[in-house]
Amino acid sequence: MPRFVAVYTMKPEDVAAFRKRPKSEQEAIDKVGLKAWEAWSKRNAVAIVATDVMVGKTRRVTKSGIADAQNQIAGFLIVEAADITAAADLFQDHPHITIFPGDGIDVMPVVTGPPEDEPP
């Protein structure tokens, strides 16, 4: 079955706004969100190939050297589904975008050869 990478995205300013909330409010959102995330994971367990990987601050390596960097990647997950539409459908009610301040989840096919030329 085809595999897809789902990349959780979150704008740095949304993370900063969340962290400015009172600690008790952050903890309440975390409690509800983590419970919903666990329920989502159980509901979709048959499709999940690899567990969620959440990521922290970024360092970018280029030909010029290594430096701190910012991006919107908050984590990722690998799922199996019949096609990209079915894979994307798995995430419509995901807590990353319904409870936490995530702004989206990008779903992309895992390719084992050169990408096919197809319109986005």
Protein backbone atom coordinates (compact mmCIF):
# COMPACT_ATOMS: atom_id res chain seq x y z
CA MET A 1 0.00 0.00 0.00
CA PRO A 2 1.32 3.51 -0.76
CA ARG A 3 2.92 5.46 2.07
CA PHE A 4 2.54 9.15 2.82
CA VAL A 5 4.42 11.58 5.04
CA ALA A 6 2.22 13.98 6.97
CA VAL A 7 4.16 17.05 8.11
CA TYR A 8 2.65 19.02 10.97
CA THR A 9 3.18 22.75 10.45
CA MET A 10 2.95 25.57 12.95
CA LYS A 11 3.81 29.23 12.42
CA PRO A 12 6.47 30.51 14.84
CA GLU A 13 4.22 33.44 15.79
CA ASP A 14 1.40 31.02 16.70
CA VAL A 15 3.76 29.07 18.97
CA ALA A 16 4.87 32.34 20.59
CA ALA A 17 1.25 33.42 21.14
CA PHE A 18 0.43 30.04 22.69
CA ARG A 19 3.44 30.30 25.02
CA LYS A 20 2.29 33.80 26.14
CA ARG A 21 -0.97 32.38 27.47
CA PRO A 22 -1.16 31.72 31.21
CA LYS A 23 0.55 28.46 32.15
CA SER A 24 -2.73 27.03 33.46
CA GLU A 25 -4.39 27.69 30.09
CA GLN A 26 -1.51 26.05 28.19
CA GLU A 27 -1.70 23.02 30.46
CA ALA A 28 -5.48 22.75 29.99
CA ILE A 29 -5.11 22.84 26.20
CA ASP A 30 -2.27 20.30 26.37
CA LYS A 31 -4.38 17.95 28.52
CA VAL A 32 -7.36 18.06 26.15
CA GLY A 33 -5.16 18.00 23.05
CA LEU A 34 -3.01 15.06 24.10
CA LYS A 35 -6.09 13.01 25.02
CA ALA A 36 -7.65 13.82 21.62
CA TRP A 37 -4.33 13.02 19.88
CA GLU A 38 -4.23 9.62 21.58
CA ALA A 39 -7.82 8.94 20.53
CA TRP A 40 -7.04 10.01 16.95
CA SER A 41 -4.00 7.69 16.92
CA LYS A 42 -6.06 4.74 18.17
CA ARG A 43 -8.82 5.44 15.64
CA ASN A 44 -6.29 5.48 12.79
CA ALA A 45 -3.83 2.88 14.11
CA VAL A 46 -4.26 0.57 11.12
CA ALA A 47 -2.94 3.32 8.79
CA ILE A 48 -0.04 4.51 10.96
CA VAL A 49 3.32 3.11 9.86
CA ALA A 50 5.59 5.14 12.18
CA THR A 51 4.78 6.97 15.39
CA ASP A 52 4.61 10.75 15.53
CA VAL A 53 7.92 12.53 15.62
CA MET A 54 7.78 16.05 17.02
CA VAL A 55 10.73 18.36 16.40
CA GLY A 56 12.32 21.34 18.14
CA LYS A 57 14.46 24.28 17.10
CA THR A 58 16.20 24.17 13.74
CA ARG A 59 19.82 24.48 12.66
CA ARG A 60 20.31 24.77 8.91
CA VAL A 61 23.42 23.40 7.21
CA THR A 62 24.41 25.03 3.90
CA LYS A 63 27.58 25.40 1.85
CA SER A 64 28.18 28.60 3.82
CA GLY A 65 28.07 26.89 7.19
CA ILE A 66 25.67 26.16 10.04
CA ALA A 67 23.23 28.66 11.52
CA ASP A 68 20.04 28.85 13.53
CA ALA A 69 16.98 28.83 11.30
CA GLN A 70 13.20 28.95 11.50
CA ASN A 71 10.62 26.92 9.65
CA GLN A 72 7.06 25.83 10.21
CA ILE A 73 7.78 22.12 10.70
CA ALA A 74 6.54 20.88 14.07
CA GLY A 75 6.75 17.14 13.40
CA PHE A 76 5.75 14.33 11.08
CA LEU A 77 4.07 10.95 10.81
CA ILE A 78 4.05 8.24 8.14
CA VAL A 79 0.77 6.58 7.16
CA GLU A 80 -0.43 4.06 4.58
CA ALA A 81 -3.50 4.76 2.48
CA ALA A 82 -4.98 3.84 -0.88
CA ASP A 83 -4.11 7.27 -2.33
CA ILE A 84 -3.24 10.82 -1.31
CA THR A 85 -6.89 11.80 -0.88
CA ALA A 86 -7.48 8.93 1.55
CA ALA A 87 -4.28 9.84 3.38
CA ALA A 88 -5.30 13.50 3.67
CA ASP A 89 -8.78 12.52 4.85
CA LEU A 90 -7.20 10.84 7.90
CA PHE A 91 -6.11 14.25 9.18
CA GLN A 92 -9.25 16.37 8.77
CA ASP A 93 -10.10 16.18 12.49
CA HIS A 94 -6.54 15.93 13.81
CA PRO A 95 -5.91 17.73 17.15
CA HIS A 96 -2.85 19.47 15.70
CA ILE A 97 -5.25 21.75 13.80
CA THR A 98 -8.44 21.44 15.87
CA ILE A 99 -7.05 21.98 19.39
CA PHE A 100 -3.37 22.96 19.22
CA PRO A 101 -2.21 26.09 17.35
CA GLY A 102 -1.06 24.12 14.30
CA ASP A 103 -1.83 25.81 11.00
CA GLY A 104 -1.82 22.75 8.76
CA ILE A 105 -0.74 19.23 7.93
CA ASP A 106 1.00 18.71 4.59
CA VAL A 107 0.48 15.20 3.18
CA MET A 108 2.96 13.96 0.56
CA PRO A 109 3.56 10.59 -1.06
CA VAL A 110 6.74 8.73 -0.22
CA VAL A 111 8.50 8.18 -3.55
CA THR A 112 10.91 5.37 -4.26
CA GLY A 113 12.01 6.68 -7.63
CA PRO A 114 12.00 9.99 -9.47
CA PRO A 115 8.78 11.92 -8.77
CA GLU A 116 6.15 11.63 -11.43
CA ASP A 117 5.43 14.75 -13.45
CA GLU A 118 1.95 15.66 -12.37
CA PRO A 119 0.31 18.98 -11.63
CA PRO A 120 0.23 19.98 -7.94
